[in-house]
N, C-alpha and C. Protein backbone atom coordinates (compact mmCIF):
# COMPACT_ATOMS: atom_id res chain seq x y z
N MET A 1 12.25 -4.46 9.62
CA MET A 1 12.61 -4.10 8.38
C MET A 1 13.16 -2.71 8.24
N LYS A 2 14.34 -2.69 7.55
CA LYS A 2 14.97 -1.32 7.37
C LYS A 2 14.41 -0.58 6.14
N ASP A 3 14.51 0.68 6.06
CA ASP A 3 13.93 1.41 5.00
C ASP A 3 14.42 0.91 3.66
N VAL A 4 15.78 0.67 3.56
CA VAL A 4 16.32 0.28 2.30
C VAL A 4 15.74 -1.10 1.88
N GLU A 5 15.37 -2.02 2.86
CA GLU A 5 14.81 -3.31 2.47
C GLU A 5 13.45 -3.07 1.83
N LEU A 6 12.62 -2.15 2.58
CA LEU A 6 11.24 -1.83 1.89
C LEU A 6 11.50 -1.24 0.64
N ILE A 7 12.42 -0.29 0.42
CA ILE A 7 12.59 0.30 -0.93
C ILE A 7 12.87 -0.59 -2.01
N ASN A 8 13.75 -1.56 -1.60
CA ASN A 8 14.08 -2.59 -2.68
C ASN A 8 13.06 -3.45 -2.92
N SER A 9 12.13 -3.84 -1.95
CA SER A 9 11.07 -4.66 -2.28
C SER A 9 9.92 -4.02 -3.12
N VAL A 10 9.76 -2.78 -2.78
CA VAL A 10 8.81 -2.01 -3.53
C VAL A 10 9.30 -1.80 -5.03
N ALA A 11 10.57 -1.55 -5.05
CA ALA A 11 11.14 -1.20 -6.43
C ALA A 11 11.00 -2.51 -7.33
N ALA A 12 11.07 -3.63 -6.75
CA ALA A 12 10.80 -4.86 -7.54
C ALA A 12 9.47 -5.26 -7.68
N LEU A 13 8.64 -5.10 -6.73
CA LEU A 13 7.27 -5.56 -6.70
C LEU A 13 6.25 -4.67 -7.18
N ARG A 14 6.41 -3.36 -7.02
CA ARG A 14 5.69 -2.30 -7.65
C ARG A 14 4.32 -2.05 -7.27
N VAL A 15 3.58 -3.13 -6.74
CA VAL A 15 2.12 -3.13 -6.55
C VAL A 15 1.79 -3.36 -5.04
N PHE A 16 1.12 -2.44 -4.41
CA PHE A 16 0.56 -2.61 -2.98
C PHE A 16 -0.89 -3.09 -3.26
N ALA A 17 -1.36 -4.08 -2.60
CA ALA A 17 -2.86 -4.51 -2.53
C ALA A 17 -3.41 -4.09 -1.14
N VAL A 18 -4.25 -3.15 -1.22
CA VAL A 18 -4.87 -2.65 0.01
C VAL A 18 -6.16 -3.32 0.30
N VAL A 19 -6.26 -4.17 1.27
CA VAL A 19 -7.41 -4.96 1.43
C VAL A 19 -8.26 -4.39 2.67
N ARG A 20 -9.49 -4.20 2.28
CA ARG A 20 -10.55 -3.91 3.39
C ARG A 20 -11.72 -4.79 3.27
N ALA A 21 -12.27 -5.15 4.37
CA ALA A 21 -13.44 -6.20 4.27
C ALA A 21 -14.30 -5.98 5.57
N ARG A 22 -15.42 -6.68 5.51
CA ARG A 22 -16.26 -6.74 6.60
C ARG A 22 -15.99 -7.62 7.78
N SER A 23 -15.06 -8.59 7.49
CA SER A 23 -14.65 -9.55 8.39
C SER A 23 -13.16 -9.90 8.31
N ALA A 24 -12.63 -10.33 9.30
CA ALA A 24 -11.23 -10.90 9.29
C ALA A 24 -11.10 -12.01 8.29
N GLU A 25 -11.98 -12.89 8.33
CA GLU A 25 -11.91 -14.03 7.50
C GLU A 25 -11.92 -13.70 5.98
N THR A 26 -12.79 -12.76 5.60
CA THR A 26 -12.94 -12.35 4.30
C THR A 26 -11.69 -11.57 3.80
N ALA A 27 -11.07 -10.73 4.69
CA ALA A 27 -9.81 -9.98 4.52
C ALA A 27 -8.79 -10.98 4.20
N LEU A 28 -8.64 -11.98 5.12
CA LEU A 28 -7.58 -12.92 4.91
C LEU A 28 -7.56 -13.62 3.65
N ARG A 29 -8.84 -14.12 3.31
CA ARG A 29 -8.85 -14.95 2.12
C ARG A 29 -8.69 -14.05 0.81
N ALA A 30 -9.16 -12.79 0.97
CA ALA A 30 -8.89 -11.92 -0.14
C ALA A 30 -7.47 -11.61 -0.38
N ALA A 31 -6.79 -11.36 0.74
CA ALA A 31 -5.38 -11.02 0.71
C ALA A 31 -4.57 -12.31 0.05
N GLU A 32 -5.06 -13.45 0.56
CA GLU A 32 -4.29 -14.68 -0.01
C GLU A 32 -4.57 -14.89 -1.52
N ALA A 33 -5.79 -14.38 -1.98
CA ALA A 33 -6.08 -14.48 -3.36
C ALA A 33 -5.22 -13.53 -4.26
N ALA A 34 -4.85 -12.31 -3.62
CA ALA A 34 -4.02 -11.44 -4.19
C ALA A 34 -2.59 -11.95 -4.29
N ILE A 35 -2.19 -12.64 -3.28
CA ILE A 35 -0.86 -13.34 -3.17
C ILE A 35 -0.80 -14.36 -4.18
N VAL A 36 -1.77 -15.14 -4.24
CA VAL A 36 -1.85 -16.25 -5.38
C VAL A 36 -1.62 -15.55 -6.74
N GLY A 37 -2.19 -14.38 -6.95
CA GLY A 37 -2.20 -13.67 -8.17
C GLY A 37 -0.88 -12.97 -8.46
N GLY A 38 0.03 -13.05 -7.45
CA GLY A 38 1.36 -12.43 -7.81
C GLY A 38 1.68 -11.15 -7.04
N ILE A 39 0.73 -10.65 -6.29
CA ILE A 39 0.98 -9.33 -5.48
C ILE A 39 1.62 -9.78 -4.13
N LYS A 40 2.67 -9.27 -3.84
CA LYS A 40 3.44 -9.68 -2.54
C LYS A 40 3.66 -8.53 -1.58
N LEU A 41 3.10 -7.35 -1.98
CA LEU A 41 3.09 -6.19 -0.86
C LEU A 41 1.54 -6.07 -0.55
N ILE A 42 1.25 -6.48 0.69
CA ILE A 42 -0.11 -6.53 1.13
C ILE A 42 -0.33 -5.46 2.28
N GLU A 43 -1.26 -4.50 2.17
CA GLU A 43 -1.53 -3.54 3.19
C GLU A 43 -2.95 -3.82 3.56
N VAL A 44 -2.96 -4.15 4.97
CA VAL A 44 -4.33 -4.48 5.64
C VAL A 44 -4.87 -3.25 6.40
N ALA A 45 -5.85 -2.78 5.79
CA ALA A 45 -6.47 -1.56 6.34
C ALA A 45 -7.02 -1.84 7.75
N LEU A 46 -6.76 -0.93 8.62
CA LEU A 46 -7.20 -1.11 10.04
C LEU A 46 -8.62 -1.03 10.37
N GLY A 47 -9.35 -0.53 9.31
CA GLY A 47 -10.77 -0.37 9.43
C GLY A 47 -11.52 -1.74 9.43
N THR A 48 -10.83 -2.83 8.90
CA THR A 48 -11.28 -4.18 8.82
C THR A 48 -11.35 -4.83 10.26
N PRO A 49 -12.45 -5.39 10.60
CA PRO A 49 -12.45 -6.00 11.94
C PRO A 49 -11.59 -7.15 11.97
N GLY A 50 -10.75 -7.11 13.12
CA GLY A 50 -9.73 -8.20 13.25
C GLY A 50 -8.47 -7.99 12.43
N SER A 51 -8.23 -6.63 12.03
CA SER A 51 -7.10 -6.49 11.11
C SER A 51 -5.82 -6.90 11.64
N PHE A 52 -5.68 -6.67 12.98
CA PHE A 52 -4.33 -7.16 13.57
C PHE A 52 -4.15 -8.71 13.42
N ARG A 53 -5.14 -9.36 13.52
CA ARG A 53 -5.02 -10.94 13.46
C ARG A 53 -4.74 -11.22 12.06
N VAL A 54 -5.39 -10.50 11.02
CA VAL A 54 -5.12 -10.79 9.70
C VAL A 54 -3.61 -10.66 9.35
N ILE A 55 -3.09 -9.51 9.82
CA ILE A 55 -1.55 -9.22 9.67
C ILE A 55 -0.80 -10.34 10.15
N SER A 56 -1.12 -10.82 11.40
CA SER A 56 -0.31 -11.92 11.96
C SER A 56 -0.51 -13.12 11.31
N ASP A 57 -1.74 -13.52 10.82
CA ASP A 57 -1.98 -14.79 10.21
C ASP A 57 -1.23 -14.79 8.86
N LEU A 58 -1.21 -13.67 8.21
CA LEU A 58 -0.67 -13.59 6.71
C LEU A 58 0.88 -13.85 6.98
N LEU A 59 1.48 -13.26 7.93
CA LEU A 59 2.94 -13.37 8.17
C LEU A 59 3.29 -14.80 8.62
N HIS A 60 2.27 -15.39 9.33
CA HIS A 60 2.52 -16.76 9.87
C HIS A 60 2.52 -17.80 8.65
N ARG A 61 1.65 -17.49 7.77
CA ARG A 61 1.34 -18.38 6.59
C ARG A 61 2.42 -18.28 5.48
N TYR A 62 2.88 -17.11 5.28
CA TYR A 62 3.71 -16.74 4.05
C TYR A 62 5.07 -16.29 4.42
N GLY A 63 5.29 -15.90 5.62
CA GLY A 63 6.67 -15.44 6.12
C GLY A 63 7.42 -14.45 5.14
N ASP A 64 8.65 -14.76 4.82
CA ASP A 64 9.36 -13.74 4.01
C ASP A 64 9.00 -13.77 2.55
N ARG A 65 8.01 -14.54 2.13
CA ARG A 65 7.62 -14.60 0.79
C ARG A 65 6.73 -13.43 0.42
N VAL A 66 6.27 -12.66 1.46
CA VAL A 66 5.52 -11.50 1.28
C VAL A 66 5.89 -10.38 2.19
N CYS A 67 5.41 -9.04 1.96
CA CYS A 67 5.69 -8.09 2.85
C CYS A 67 4.25 -7.54 3.29
N ILE A 68 4.00 -7.59 4.63
CA ILE A 68 2.69 -7.27 5.07
C ILE A 68 2.77 -6.08 5.87
N GLY A 69 1.87 -5.08 5.65
CA GLY A 69 1.94 -3.78 6.50
C GLY A 69 0.50 -3.49 6.92
N ALA A 70 0.37 -2.45 7.86
CA ALA A 70 -0.90 -1.99 8.36
C ALA A 70 -1.15 -0.67 7.59
N GLY A 71 -2.54 -0.45 7.14
CA GLY A 71 -2.89 0.71 6.33
C GLY A 71 -3.83 1.51 7.22
N SER A 72 -3.94 2.78 6.82
CA SER A 72 -4.86 3.77 7.53
C SER A 72 -4.58 3.91 8.90
N VAL A 73 -3.30 3.87 9.34
CA VAL A 73 -2.93 4.06 10.69
C VAL A 73 -2.90 5.68 11.09
N THR A 74 -3.69 5.93 12.12
CA THR A 74 -3.75 7.38 12.49
C THR A 74 -3.45 7.64 13.93
N THR A 75 -3.27 6.68 14.77
CA THR A 75 -3.03 6.76 16.13
C THR A 75 -1.86 5.85 16.64
N HIS A 76 -1.31 6.40 17.81
CA HIS A 76 -0.22 5.51 18.27
C HIS A 76 -0.59 4.23 18.75
N ASP A 77 -1.91 4.09 19.33
CA ASP A 77 -2.32 2.79 19.77
C ASP A 77 -2.40 1.77 18.55
N GLN A 78 -2.95 2.34 17.50
CA GLN A 78 -3.03 1.48 16.33
C GLN A 78 -1.63 1.10 15.76
N MET A 79 -0.82 1.96 15.77
CA MET A 79 0.64 1.61 15.39
C MET A 79 1.24 0.56 16.26
N ASP A 80 1.12 0.74 17.56
CA ASP A 80 1.65 -0.19 18.56
C ASP A 80 1.00 -1.57 18.26
N ARG A 81 -0.28 -1.58 18.16
CA ARG A 81 -0.83 -3.00 17.96
C ARG A 81 -0.55 -3.59 16.60
N ALA A 82 -0.35 -2.82 15.60
CA ALA A 82 0.03 -3.35 14.30
C ALA A 82 1.49 -3.87 14.37
N ILE A 83 2.38 -3.19 14.98
CA ILE A 83 3.80 -3.59 15.20
C ILE A 83 3.81 -4.90 15.99
N LYS A 84 3.06 -4.92 16.96
CA LYS A 84 3.11 -6.16 17.86
C LYS A 84 2.37 -7.38 17.00
N SER A 85 1.61 -6.96 16.08
CA SER A 85 1.09 -8.07 15.10
C SER A 85 2.09 -8.49 14.14
N GLY A 86 3.11 -7.78 13.90
CA GLY A 86 4.20 -8.15 12.98
C GLY A 86 4.33 -7.39 11.78
N ALA A 87 3.43 -6.18 11.66
CA ALA A 87 3.49 -5.36 10.52
C ALA A 87 4.90 -4.91 10.15
N GLN A 88 5.20 -5.00 8.93
CA GLN A 88 6.59 -4.81 8.36
C GLN A 88 6.72 -3.34 7.76
N PHE A 89 5.53 -2.60 7.66
CA PHE A 89 5.60 -1.25 7.48
C PHE A 89 4.26 -0.73 7.95
N ILE A 90 4.25 0.67 8.22
CA ILE A 90 3.01 1.34 8.72
C ILE A 90 2.82 2.38 7.61
N SER A 91 1.51 2.37 7.09
CA SER A 91 1.08 3.20 6.17
C SER A 91 0.01 4.13 6.68
N MET A 92 0.17 5.41 6.58
CA MET A 92 -0.63 6.49 7.08
C MET A 92 -1.26 7.28 5.97
N PRO A 93 -2.53 7.68 6.05
CA PRO A 93 -3.14 8.60 5.04
C PRO A 93 -2.66 10.06 5.08
N HIS A 94 -1.92 10.26 6.04
CA HIS A 94 -1.44 11.69 6.35
C HIS A 94 0.07 11.66 6.72
N SER A 95 0.47 12.89 7.03
CA SER A 95 1.91 13.00 7.62
C SER A 95 1.89 13.39 9.06
N SER A 96 2.43 12.54 9.82
CA SER A 96 2.44 12.92 11.34
C SER A 96 3.85 12.72 11.83
N GLU A 97 4.38 13.78 12.24
CA GLU A 97 5.86 13.64 12.77
C GLU A 97 6.02 12.81 13.93
N THR A 98 5.02 12.73 14.90
CA THR A 98 5.07 11.95 16.01
C THR A 98 4.96 10.46 15.70
N LEU A 99 4.15 10.16 14.79
CA LEU A 99 3.86 8.75 14.35
C LEU A 99 5.23 8.26 13.57
N ILE A 100 5.70 9.08 12.80
CA ILE A 100 6.87 8.60 12.08
C ILE A 100 8.15 8.51 13.05
N GLU A 101 8.19 9.37 14.13
CA GLU A 101 9.20 9.20 15.15
C GLU A 101 9.02 7.98 15.86
N ALA A 102 7.74 7.50 16.18
CA ALA A 102 7.44 6.19 16.83
C ALA A 102 7.80 5.12 15.97
N CYS A 103 7.57 5.23 14.76
CA CYS A 103 7.99 4.15 13.73
C CYS A 103 9.43 3.90 13.86
N ARG A 104 10.22 5.07 13.80
CA ARG A 104 11.62 5.00 13.84
C ARG A 104 12.15 4.28 15.18
N ARG A 105 11.61 4.59 16.27
CA ARG A 105 11.95 3.97 17.55
C ARG A 105 11.71 2.52 17.47
N SER A 106 10.59 2.04 16.85
CA SER A 106 10.26 0.67 16.72
C SER A 106 10.95 -0.01 15.50
N LEU A 107 11.85 0.75 14.74
CA LEU A 107 12.53 0.21 13.49
C LEU A 107 11.59 -0.49 12.50
N VAL A 108 10.48 0.18 12.26
CA VAL A 108 9.45 -0.10 11.19
C VAL A 108 9.39 1.07 10.31
N PRO A 109 9.48 0.85 9.07
CA PRO A 109 9.42 1.88 8.08
C PRO A 109 8.00 2.56 7.92
N PRO A 110 7.92 3.96 7.92
CA PRO A 110 6.66 4.59 7.73
C PRO A 110 6.47 4.90 6.34
N VAL A 111 5.35 4.73 5.83
CA VAL A 111 4.83 5.23 4.43
C VAL A 111 3.79 6.19 4.71
N ILE A 112 3.98 7.50 4.23
CA ILE A 112 3.04 8.51 4.77
C ILE A 112 2.46 9.14 3.60
N GLY A 113 1.20 9.75 3.84
CA GLY A 113 0.30 10.30 2.80
C GLY A 113 0.59 11.77 2.62
N ALA A 114 0.25 12.28 1.32
CA ALA A 114 0.43 13.63 0.99
C ALA A 114 -0.39 13.80 -0.29
N LEU A 115 -0.80 15.04 -0.61
CA LEU A 115 -1.50 15.39 -1.85
C LEU A 115 -0.91 16.51 -2.58
N THR A 116 -0.81 17.66 -1.98
CA THR A 116 -0.24 18.77 -2.73
C THR A 116 1.32 18.82 -2.87
N PRO A 117 1.81 19.59 -3.78
CA PRO A 117 3.21 19.68 -3.88
C PRO A 117 3.85 20.03 -2.55
N THR A 118 3.33 21.01 -1.75
CA THR A 118 3.84 21.36 -0.52
C THR A 118 3.91 20.19 0.57
N GLU A 119 2.82 19.36 0.56
CA GLU A 119 2.58 18.36 1.44
C GLU A 119 3.66 17.24 1.02
N VAL A 120 3.75 16.97 -0.32
CA VAL A 120 4.69 15.91 -0.78
C VAL A 120 6.16 16.34 -0.28
N ALA A 121 6.50 17.56 -0.60
CA ALA A 121 7.72 17.94 -0.29
C ALA A 121 8.11 17.93 1.24
N THR A 122 7.12 18.33 2.04
CA THR A 122 7.21 18.34 3.53
C THR A 122 7.37 16.84 4.01
N ALA A 123 6.51 15.97 3.46
CA ALA A 123 6.67 14.55 3.80
C ALA A 123 8.00 14.01 3.45
N TRP A 124 8.52 14.35 2.27
CA TRP A 124 9.75 13.82 1.79
C TRP A 124 10.85 14.31 2.66
N SER A 125 10.68 15.54 3.14
CA SER A 125 11.81 16.11 3.98
C SER A 125 11.90 15.47 5.35
N MET A 126 10.93 14.65 5.75
CA MET A 126 10.86 13.87 6.96
C MET A 126 11.86 12.50 6.94
N GLY A 127 12.35 12.36 5.83
CA GLY A 127 13.20 11.26 5.64
C GLY A 127 12.49 9.94 5.50
N VAL A 128 11.31 9.87 5.01
CA VAL A 128 10.63 8.69 4.87
C VAL A 128 10.99 7.83 3.61
N PRO A 129 10.83 6.65 3.51
CA PRO A 129 11.26 5.87 2.32
C PRO A 129 10.47 6.05 1.08
N ILE A 130 8.96 6.19 1.42
CA ILE A 130 8.06 6.36 0.28
C ILE A 130 6.96 7.35 0.86
N VAL A 131 6.50 8.12 -0.12
CA VAL A 131 5.38 8.93 0.10
C VAL A 131 4.18 8.45 -0.81
N THR A 132 2.99 8.28 -0.04
CA THR A 132 1.73 7.94 -0.89
C THR A 132 1.02 9.26 -1.31
N LEU A 133 0.86 9.28 -2.71
CA LEU A 133 0.05 10.51 -3.17
C LEU A 133 -1.44 9.95 -3.14
N PHE A 134 -2.18 10.59 -2.26
CA PHE A 134 -3.56 10.20 -2.05
C PHE A 134 -4.47 11.33 -1.63
N PRO A 135 -5.68 11.37 -2.22
CA PRO A 135 -6.12 10.53 -3.43
C PRO A 135 -5.81 11.11 -4.69
N ALA A 136 -4.85 10.42 -5.51
CA ALA A 136 -4.44 11.03 -6.82
C ALA A 136 -5.45 11.30 -7.82
N SER A 137 -6.55 10.55 -7.78
CA SER A 137 -7.54 10.67 -8.89
C SER A 137 -8.28 11.96 -8.70
N SER A 138 -8.34 12.52 -7.53
CA SER A 138 -9.10 13.79 -7.24
C SER A 138 -8.52 14.99 -7.85
N LEU A 139 -7.17 14.94 -8.17
CA LEU A 139 -6.52 16.08 -8.70
C LEU A 139 -6.08 15.83 -10.13
N GLY A 140 -6.58 14.86 -10.89
CA GLY A 140 -6.05 14.68 -12.25
C GLY A 140 -5.52 13.37 -12.63
N GLY A 141 -5.30 12.54 -11.77
CA GLY A 141 -4.67 11.19 -11.99
C GLY A 141 -3.13 11.32 -12.54
N PRO A 142 -3.03 10.52 -13.66
CA PRO A 142 -1.66 10.46 -14.17
C PRO A 142 -1.10 11.83 -14.59
N ASP A 143 -1.96 12.76 -14.99
CA ASP A 143 -1.45 14.07 -15.39
C ASP A 143 -1.00 14.86 -14.09
N TYR A 144 -1.55 14.65 -13.03
CA TYR A 144 -1.15 15.30 -11.84
C TYR A 144 0.11 14.67 -11.28
N VAL A 145 0.13 13.29 -11.32
CA VAL A 145 1.50 12.68 -10.90
C VAL A 145 2.66 13.10 -11.74
N ALA A 146 2.45 13.17 -13.19
CA ALA A 146 3.49 13.63 -13.97
C ALA A 146 3.93 15.14 -13.63
N ALA A 147 2.96 16.05 -13.22
CA ALA A 147 3.32 17.38 -12.82
C ALA A 147 4.08 17.37 -11.55
N ILE A 148 3.69 16.50 -10.51
CA ILE A 148 4.51 16.39 -9.45
C ILE A 148 5.95 15.78 -9.63
N THR A 149 5.91 14.71 -10.30
CA THR A 149 7.33 14.09 -10.44
C THR A 149 8.24 14.90 -11.34
N SER A 150 7.71 15.82 -12.13
CA SER A 150 8.65 16.63 -13.03
C SER A 150 9.28 17.62 -12.19
N ARG A 151 8.74 18.10 -11.04
CA ARG A 151 9.38 19.03 -10.21
C ARG A 151 9.93 18.46 -8.99
N LEU A 152 9.46 17.42 -8.48
CA LEU A 152 9.96 16.68 -7.35
C LEU A 152 10.46 15.29 -7.69
N SER A 153 11.31 15.29 -8.48
CA SER A 153 11.68 13.94 -9.24
C SER A 153 12.44 13.07 -8.16
N GLU A 154 12.92 13.50 -7.20
CA GLU A 154 13.53 12.55 -6.28
C GLU A 154 12.66 11.80 -5.27
N VAL A 155 11.46 12.13 -5.24
CA VAL A 155 10.51 11.58 -4.31
C VAL A 155 9.96 10.25 -4.72
N ARG A 156 10.01 9.20 -4.04
CA ARG A 156 9.63 7.91 -4.31
C ARG A 156 7.91 7.98 -4.04
N LEU A 157 7.17 8.04 -5.09
CA LEU A 157 5.71 8.19 -4.88
C LEU A 157 4.95 6.92 -5.16
N ALA A 158 4.19 6.47 -4.24
CA ALA A 158 3.26 5.30 -4.40
C ALA A 158 1.93 6.10 -4.67
N VAL A 159 1.29 5.69 -5.61
CA VAL A 159 0.01 6.45 -6.05
C VAL A 159 -1.27 5.64 -5.54
N ALA A 160 -2.14 6.18 -4.87
CA ALA A 160 -3.34 5.49 -4.37
C ALA A 160 -4.46 6.37 -4.67
N GLY A 161 -5.73 5.68 -4.76
CA GLY A 161 -6.91 6.34 -5.02
C GLY A 161 -7.43 6.30 -6.41
N GLY A 162 -8.27 5.46 -6.82
CA GLY A 162 -8.88 5.34 -8.12
C GLY A 162 -7.91 4.61 -9.10
N VAL A 163 -6.90 3.87 -8.53
CA VAL A 163 -5.93 3.12 -9.49
C VAL A 163 -6.57 1.88 -9.86
N GLY A 164 -6.56 1.62 -11.23
CA GLY A 164 -7.13 0.30 -11.71
C GLY A 164 -6.47 0.00 -13.04
N PRO A 165 -6.92 -1.16 -13.59
CA PRO A 165 -6.18 -1.67 -14.77
C PRO A 165 -6.09 -0.56 -15.90
N GLU A 166 -7.19 0.40 -16.03
CA GLU A 166 -7.09 1.19 -17.16
C GLU A 166 -6.12 2.41 -17.09
N ASN A 167 -5.48 2.52 -15.88
CA ASN A 167 -4.60 3.70 -15.75
C ASN A 167 -3.19 3.32 -15.11
N ILE A 168 -2.97 2.00 -14.79
CA ILE A 168 -1.76 1.65 -14.15
C ILE A 168 -0.57 2.00 -15.02
N VAL A 169 -0.59 1.57 -16.20
CA VAL A 169 0.64 2.01 -17.21
C VAL A 169 0.79 3.45 -17.26
N ASP A 170 -0.28 4.23 -17.31
CA ASP A 170 -0.13 5.64 -17.30
C ASP A 170 0.43 6.27 -16.11
N TYR A 171 0.15 5.68 -14.94
CA TYR A 171 0.73 6.20 -13.69
C TYR A 171 2.19 5.92 -13.63
N PHE A 172 2.61 4.74 -14.15
CA PHE A 172 3.99 4.46 -14.11
C PHE A 172 4.80 5.28 -15.18
N ASN A 173 4.21 5.49 -16.24
CA ASN A 173 4.76 6.43 -17.31
C ASN A 173 4.84 7.89 -16.73
N ALA A 174 4.04 8.14 -15.75
CA ALA A 174 4.07 9.43 -15.16
C ALA A 174 5.10 9.71 -14.14
N GLY A 175 5.75 8.56 -13.72
CA GLY A 175 6.80 8.71 -12.76
C GLY A 175 6.47 8.08 -11.43
N ALA A 176 5.39 7.33 -11.34
CA ALA A 176 5.14 6.62 -10.11
C ALA A 176 6.10 5.68 -9.70
N PHE A 177 6.56 5.51 -8.52
CA PHE A 177 7.46 4.48 -7.95
C PHE A 177 6.69 3.21 -7.80
N ALA A 178 5.42 3.31 -7.39
CA ALA A 178 4.60 2.13 -7.11
C ALA A 178 3.15 2.58 -7.11
N ILE A 179 2.24 1.59 -7.16
CA ILE A 179 0.90 1.92 -7.17
C ILE A 179 0.16 1.14 -5.95
N SER A 180 -0.90 1.68 -5.51
CA SER A 180 -1.79 1.01 -4.51
C SER A 180 -3.13 0.76 -5.05
N VAL A 181 -3.54 -0.51 -5.04
CA VAL A 181 -4.82 -0.85 -5.56
C VAL A 181 -5.63 -1.52 -4.56
N GLY A 182 -6.92 -0.96 -4.31
CA GLY A 182 -7.79 -1.34 -3.33
C GLY A 182 -9.07 -1.91 -3.88
N GLY A 183 -10.05 -0.99 -3.92
CA GLY A 183 -11.47 -1.43 -4.42
C GLY A 183 -11.37 -1.82 -5.80
N ARG A 184 -10.49 -1.55 -6.58
CA ARG A 184 -10.44 -1.94 -8.13
C ARG A 184 -9.96 -3.38 -8.20
N LEU A 185 -9.36 -3.84 -7.14
CA LEU A 185 -8.77 -5.29 -7.11
C LEU A 185 -9.85 -6.09 -6.26
N PHE A 186 -10.12 -5.66 -5.03
CA PHE A 186 -11.03 -6.38 -4.19
C PHE A 186 -12.54 -5.73 -4.29
N THR A 187 -13.22 -6.02 -5.31
CA THR A 187 -14.47 -5.52 -5.61
C THR A 187 -15.51 -5.85 -4.58
N ASN A 188 -16.47 -5.01 -4.30
CA ASN A 188 -17.54 -5.40 -3.29
C ASN A 188 -18.25 -6.61 -3.70
N GLY A 189 -18.49 -6.77 -4.96
CA GLY A 189 -19.18 -7.96 -5.55
C GLY A 189 -18.36 -9.21 -5.26
N ASP A 190 -17.12 -9.21 -5.52
CA ASP A 190 -16.19 -10.40 -5.31
C ASP A 190 -16.08 -10.70 -3.81
N LEU A 191 -16.04 -9.78 -2.98
CA LEU A 191 -15.88 -10.03 -1.61
C LEU A 191 -17.23 -10.52 -0.98
N LYS A 192 -18.34 -9.97 -1.44
CA LYS A 192 -19.65 -10.40 -0.99
C LYS A 192 -19.91 -11.88 -1.32
N ASN A 193 -19.53 -12.08 -2.66
CA ASN A 193 -19.83 -13.54 -3.27
C ASN A 193 -18.71 -14.48 -2.97
N GLU A 194 -17.67 -14.03 -2.36
CA GLU A 194 -16.62 -14.94 -1.97
C GLU A 194 -15.87 -15.43 -3.33
N ASN A 195 -15.82 -14.59 -4.30
CA ASN A 195 -15.19 -14.96 -5.59
C ASN A 195 -13.73 -14.76 -5.51
N TYR A 196 -13.05 -15.51 -4.84
CA TYR A 196 -11.60 -15.26 -4.64
C TYR A 196 -10.73 -15.53 -5.82
N ALA A 197 -11.29 -16.46 -6.67
CA ALA A 197 -10.61 -16.80 -7.97
C ALA A 197 -10.67 -15.59 -8.85
N ALA A 198 -11.67 -14.71 -8.94
CA ALA A 198 -11.70 -13.53 -9.66
C ALA A 198 -10.67 -12.53 -9.20
N ILE A 199 -10.54 -12.42 -7.89
CA ILE A 199 -9.51 -11.45 -7.32
C ILE A 199 -8.15 -12.00 -7.69
N ALA A 200 -7.93 -13.19 -7.63
CA ALA A 200 -6.62 -13.79 -7.94
C ALA A 200 -6.31 -13.45 -9.47
N GLU A 201 -7.27 -13.67 -10.38
CA GLU A 201 -7.00 -13.36 -11.80
C GLU A 201 -6.94 -11.93 -12.04
N ARG A 202 -7.60 -11.05 -11.33
CA ARG A 202 -7.40 -9.64 -11.50
C ARG A 202 -6.11 -9.31 -11.13
N ALA A 203 -5.50 -9.87 -9.81
CA ALA A 203 -4.23 -9.46 -9.54
C ALA A 203 -3.12 -9.86 -10.48
N ARG A 204 -3.41 -10.96 -11.21
CA ARG A 204 -2.37 -11.37 -12.20
C ARG A 204 -2.33 -10.28 -13.39
N GLY A 205 -3.49 -9.86 -13.72
CA GLY A 205 -3.50 -8.82 -14.69
C GLY A 205 -2.93 -7.56 -14.37
N ILE A 206 -3.10 -7.14 -13.09
CA ILE A 206 -2.51 -5.96 -12.51
C ILE A 206 -0.96 -6.15 -12.45
N VAL A 207 -0.50 -7.28 -12.08
CA VAL A 207 0.97 -7.61 -12.05
C VAL A 207 1.59 -7.39 -13.42
N ARG A 208 0.85 -7.94 -14.41
CA ARG A 208 1.36 -7.83 -15.76
C ARG A 208 1.45 -6.38 -16.20
N LEU A 209 0.41 -5.69 -15.91
CA LEU A 209 0.35 -4.17 -16.41
C LEU A 209 1.48 -3.37 -15.75
N ALA A 210 1.81 -3.81 -14.46
CA ALA A 210 2.84 -3.18 -13.71
C ALA A 210 4.23 -3.60 -14.12
N ALA A 211 4.30 -4.57 -15.06
CA ALA A 211 5.62 -5.06 -15.49
C ALA A 211 6.40 -5.65 -14.48
N VAL A 212 5.90 -6.38 -13.59
CA VAL A 212 6.67 -7.03 -12.45
C VAL A 212 7.22 -8.25 -13.00
N SER A 213 8.56 -8.44 -12.91
CA SER A 213 9.18 -9.58 -13.52
C SER A 213 9.11 -10.64 -12.57
């Protein structure tokens, strides 16, 4: 996937679902519930057991109807295994020049993390398609995003950390390019009780709030 293809997909779909679970089977079924609910950008956190298989299985089942990436990537080994599993983007919680260069060599777009204005500007200067502001809630949520985007308006910011139904609209009004929803979509209770219908319904509500057409 080229950078421009990821940018266009995120511009249209606006919501990343970040799935973490205690087993590959739970993660797979939770991700499928989010897809049923209308979220087509799925990020599989590598802390999930069997995460590489989950990435591969989702791509096998859904093909080009979804965009599947690997999340919380911090090492070259993780990145290599994710790409071999078919990951279409690599999401990092930090900014690593060496990992970004490795993504470029593999022709897989990097999505990198930053928090402060200096970190955001530095990340953007690396030529990445999207910067994830994480954890946004720790520094003021939508108000902080508005302060960042008012001064760094060219940066495509995906906002992560504490994003949920009560603040999605505020984040987009503050200038977010996209949002990443994790624990507020895949709640511990629903994962434990295998209540995938609730996850799908919550996903539908998030898609509506994000004004995804």
